[in-house]
Amino acid sequence: LFPDAQMKKLNDSEACDPKDTDPHILVMCEDTAVAIKKSVLVKESSVIKALLGDKWTGKDDQGEEKPSSSSVIKTTVITVPDEYDPKAVEILFGYIKGQHILLGYLKDYKLLENILGLCDFYNILSPLEALMDHMQKKMNITMSEVIQVFEIGMRLGNMELYKKLAARIQSDCRKVVKANMTSSLLVIKFFTENESKMDLLLLL
């Protein structure tokens, strides 16, 4: 999904190296696939660790279990639920395999929410500090999207893990509104344009 030749080169080389005895997992979302070593996944995600299990040996082309052997390259597929964005999958799982450059493609809060949802779903914690730092330093909120972003902040606030981050997003939204509401006409215009979100306006 992202035009990063180095990322594609890494994915292709990792998935096809016949000398690598650490099994590779394909994390799939629609037509997006990220190849990542099993050892990395089970370290990052207790959910995926439980899903794969210590006795997992992979399957052959007919779906039969292969015998456990260090000479056998084992692969399997983890299919991410359809509710998640393939871009979020590519950024998150690319990041935990070391492709930190992918955070540069994270520019909007909807995609951030999707990535955080994946972190919660798979119990992946290590990227959270980097995601929060990226949000604070690289992502801006405009008046045209402030209601949408505030709503995202409200939803994230329902998740214990993200309460602090959600409070920061909500505070940033209030600062943007305060800075831009410089006349009564602008206030009226803002309320009129967002009257369908009156519940959020009152909280904002």
Protein backbone atom coordinates (compact mmCIF):
# COMPACT_ATOMS: atom_id res chain seq x y z
CA LEU A 1 0.00 0.00 0.00
CA PHE A 2 2.90 2.34 0.69
CA PRO A 3 5.45 3.20 -2.03
CA ASP A 4 8.45 2.14 0.01
CA ALA A 5 10.83 0.03 -2.08
CA GLN A 6 13.00 -0.86 0.89
CA MET A 7 9.98 -2.20 2.77
CA LYS A 8 8.97 -4.37 -0.19
CA LYS A 9 12.52 -5.65 -0.56
CA LEU A 10 12.62 -6.63 3.12
CA ASN A 11 9.25 -8.36 2.96
CA ASP A 12 10.16 -10.36 -0.14
CA SER A 13 13.60 -11.41 1.10
CA GLU A 14 12.32 -12.46 4.53
CA ALA A 15 9.43 -14.50 3.17
CA CYS A 16 11.57 -16.40 0.66
CA ASP A 17 14.87 -17.11 2.43
CA PRO A 18 15.19 -20.93 2.40
CA LYS A 19 18.00 -20.87 4.98
CA ASP A 20 15.90 -19.21 7.68
CA THR A 21 14.67 -21.75 10.24
CA ASP A 22 12.67 -19.23 12.28
CA PRO A 23 9.14 -19.67 10.85
CA HIS A 24 7.55 -16.74 9.08
CA ILE A 25 3.94 -15.72 9.60
CA LEU A 26 1.92 -13.85 7.00
CA VAL A 27 -0.30 -11.24 8.62
CA MET A 28 -3.10 -10.70 6.09
CA CYS A 29 -5.69 -7.96 5.74
CA GLU A 30 -7.62 -7.93 2.45
CA ASP A 31 -4.88 -7.92 -0.23
CA THR A 32 -2.13 -6.71 2.12
CA ALA A 33 0.35 -9.19 3.61
CA VAL A 34 3.23 -8.57 6.00
CA ALA A 35 5.75 -11.39 6.46
CA ILE A 36 7.13 -11.43 9.98
CA LYS A 37 9.07 -13.96 12.02
CA LYS A 38 7.12 -16.03 14.51
CA SER A 39 9.67 -15.24 17.24
CA VAL A 40 9.00 -11.51 16.81
CA LEU A 41 5.22 -11.93 16.82
CA VAL A 42 5.03 -14.07 19.94
CA LYS A 43 7.34 -11.65 21.75
CA GLU A 44 5.19 -8.66 20.80
CA SER A 45 1.72 -10.18 21.17
CA SER A 46 0.48 -12.51 23.89
CA VAL A 47 -2.69 -13.02 21.85
CA ILE A 48 -0.80 -14.23 18.78
CA LYS A 49 1.46 -16.32 21.01
CA ALA A 50 -1.60 -18.11 22.36
CA LEU A 51 -3.06 -18.41 18.86
CA LEU A 52 0.03 -20.09 17.45
CA GLY A 53 0.80 -22.16 20.51
CA ASP A 54 4.09 -23.73 21.55
CA LYS A 55 3.37 -26.97 19.68
CA TRP A 56 2.55 -25.33 16.35
CA THR A 57 4.53 -26.82 13.47
CA GLY A 58 2.83 -25.33 10.41
CA LYS A 59 0.91 -27.05 7.63
CA ASP A 60 1.78 -28.37 4.20
CA ASP A 61 -0.03 -27.53 0.96
CA GLN A 62 -2.77 -30.07 1.74
CA GLY A 63 -3.43 -28.58 5.17
CA GLU A 64 -1.79 -31.46 7.01
CA GLU A 65 0.45 -30.79 10.01
CA LYS A 66 4.16 -31.05 9.22
CA PRO A 67 6.48 -32.93 11.56
CA SER A 68 8.46 -30.66 13.86
CA SER A 69 11.91 -30.29 12.32
CA SER A 70 14.51 -27.56 12.26
CA SER A 71 15.06 -28.28 8.55
CA VAL A 72 11.43 -27.46 7.66
CA ILE A 73 10.46 -23.89 6.90
CA LYS A 74 7.07 -23.38 8.53
CA THR A 75 4.59 -20.69 7.53
CA THR A 76 1.04 -19.89 8.46
CA VAL A 77 -1.38 -17.03 7.97
CA ILE A 78 -3.04 -14.77 10.50
CA THR A 79 -6.09 -13.07 9.00
CA VAL A 80 -6.89 -9.70 10.54
CA PRO A 81 -10.64 -8.96 10.93
CA ASP A 82 -12.19 -6.93 8.09
CA GLU A 83 -12.98 -4.02 10.40
CA TYR A 84 -9.32 -2.99 10.37
CA ASP A 85 -7.63 -0.90 7.69
CA PRO A 86 -4.92 -2.67 5.62
CA LYS A 87 -2.81 0.48 5.96
CA ALA A 88 -2.98 0.14 9.74
CA VAL A 89 -1.87 -3.48 9.48
CA GLU A 90 1.05 -2.56 7.26
CA ILE A 91 2.21 0.25 9.54
CA LEU A 92 1.84 -1.63 12.83
CA PHE A 93 3.32 -4.99 11.85
CA GLY A 94 5.96 -3.34 9.69
CA TYR A 95 6.93 -1.22 12.68
CA ILE A 96 7.33 -4.15 15.07
CA LYS A 97 9.57 -5.93 12.57
CA GLY A 98 11.86 -2.90 12.53
CA GLN A 99 10.55 -0.75 9.66
CA HIS A 100 10.08 2.36 11.80
CA ILE A 101 10.07 4.58 8.70
CA LEU A 102 6.45 3.51 8.17
CA LEU A 103 5.30 5.83 10.97
CA GLY A 104 5.95 8.63 8.50
CA TYR A 105 2.85 7.50 6.59
CA LEU A 106 0.65 8.01 9.65
CA LYS A 107 -0.91 11.40 9.07
CA ASP A 108 -4.56 11.21 10.17
CA TYR A 109 -6.32 10.36 13.40
CA LYS A 110 -8.70 7.81 11.88
CA LEU A 111 -5.74 5.67 10.85
CA LEU A 112 -4.16 6.21 14.29
CA GLU A 113 -7.38 4.98 15.92
CA ASN A 114 -7.30 1.91 13.69
CA ILE A 115 -3.70 1.12 14.65
CA LEU A 116 -4.48 1.56 18.34
CA GLY A 117 -7.47 -0.74 17.89
CA LEU A 118 -5.14 -3.39 16.45
CA CYS A 119 -2.75 -2.93 19.38
CA ASP A 120 -5.63 -3.50 21.77
CA PHE A 121 -7.03 -6.48 19.81
CA TYR A 122 -3.69 -8.30 19.69
CA ASN A 123 -2.30 -6.90 22.99
CA ILE A 124 0.70 -5.30 21.27
CA LEU A 125 2.19 -2.71 23.63
CA SER A 126 5.73 -1.87 22.50
CA PRO A 127 4.80 0.66 19.73
CA LEU A 128 2.48 2.74 21.94
CA GLU A 129 5.09 5.23 23.17
CA ALA A 130 6.33 5.84 19.62
CA LEU A 131 2.75 6.26 18.37
CA MET A 132 1.98 8.81 21.07
CA ASP A 133 5.21 10.69 20.38
CA HIS A 134 4.45 10.72 16.64
CA MET A 135 0.95 12.04 17.28
CA GLN A 136 2.19 14.89 19.45
CA LYS A 137 5.03 15.94 17.14
CA LYS A 138 3.84 15.16 13.62
CA MET A 139 0.03 15.23 13.52
CA ASN A 140 -1.98 18.44 13.42
CA ILE A 141 -5.70 19.02 13.93
CA THR A 142 -7.53 21.40 11.59
CA MET A 143 -10.92 23.00 12.15
CA SER A 144 -12.40 20.98 9.29
CA GLU A 145 -11.70 17.73 11.16
CA VAL A 146 -11.79 18.82 14.79
CA ILE A 147 -15.19 17.23 15.50
CA GLN A 148 -14.15 13.93 13.94
CA VAL A 149 -10.89 13.90 15.89
CA PHE A 150 -12.68 14.82 19.13
CA GLU A 151 -15.08 11.92 18.56
CA ILE A 152 -12.10 9.59 18.09
CA GLY A 153 -10.69 10.89 21.37
CA MET A 154 -14.00 10.10 23.09
CA ARG A 155 -14.01 6.55 21.74
CA LEU A 156 -10.41 5.95 22.77
CA GLY A 157 -11.28 7.22 26.24
CA ASN A 158 -13.52 4.18 26.68
CA MET A 159 -10.42 1.96 26.59
CA GLU A 160 -8.42 1.92 29.83
CA LEU A 161 -5.11 1.63 28.00
CA TYR A 162 -5.70 4.85 26.05
CA LYS A 163 -7.34 7.13 28.62
CA LYS A 164 -4.27 9.39 28.90
CA LEU A 165 -3.86 9.60 25.14
CA ALA A 166 -7.59 10.25 24.68
CA ALA A 167 -7.47 13.11 27.19
CA ARG A 168 -4.57 14.64 25.24
CA ILE A 169 -6.49 14.42 21.96
CA GLN A 170 -9.59 16.00 23.50
CA SER A 171 -7.50 18.79 25.03
CA ASP A 172 -5.78 19.48 21.70
CA CYS A 173 -9.18 19.71 19.98
CA ARG A 174 -10.41 22.25 22.52
CA LYS A 175 -7.28 24.33 21.98
CA VAL A 176 -7.85 24.34 18.21
CA VAL A 177 -11.46 25.45 18.61
CA LYS A 178 -10.56 28.15 21.11
CA ALA A 179 -7.84 29.50 18.82
CA ASN A 180 -10.17 29.68 15.84
CA MET A 181 -13.39 30.94 17.44
CA THR A 182 -12.41 34.60 17.23
CA SER A 183 -15.87 36.07 16.56
CA SER A 184 -19.52 35.32 17.22
CA LEU A 185 -20.08 34.76 13.49
CA LEU A 186 -17.44 32.02 13.42
CA VAL A 187 -19.01 30.39 16.48
CA ILE A 188 -22.45 30.41 14.82
CA LYS A 189 -20.97 29.03 11.59
CA PHE A 190 -19.16 26.25 13.46
CA PHE A 191 -22.28 25.19 15.36
CA THR A 192 -24.43 25.35 12.23
CA GLU A 193 -22.04 23.19 10.22
CA ASN A 194 -21.89 20.59 12.98
CA GLU A 195 -25.44 20.67 14.33
CA SER A 196 -25.83 16.92 13.72
CA LYS A 197 -23.07 16.40 16.32
CA MET A 198 -24.60 18.61 19.00
CA ASP A 199 -23.76 16.12 21.77
CA LEU A 200 -20.08 16.39 20.88
CA LEU A 201 -20.25 20.17 20.51
CA LEU A 202 -21.52 20.48 24.07
CA LEU A 203 -18.65 18.36 25.37
CA LEU A 204 -16.14 20.23 23.23
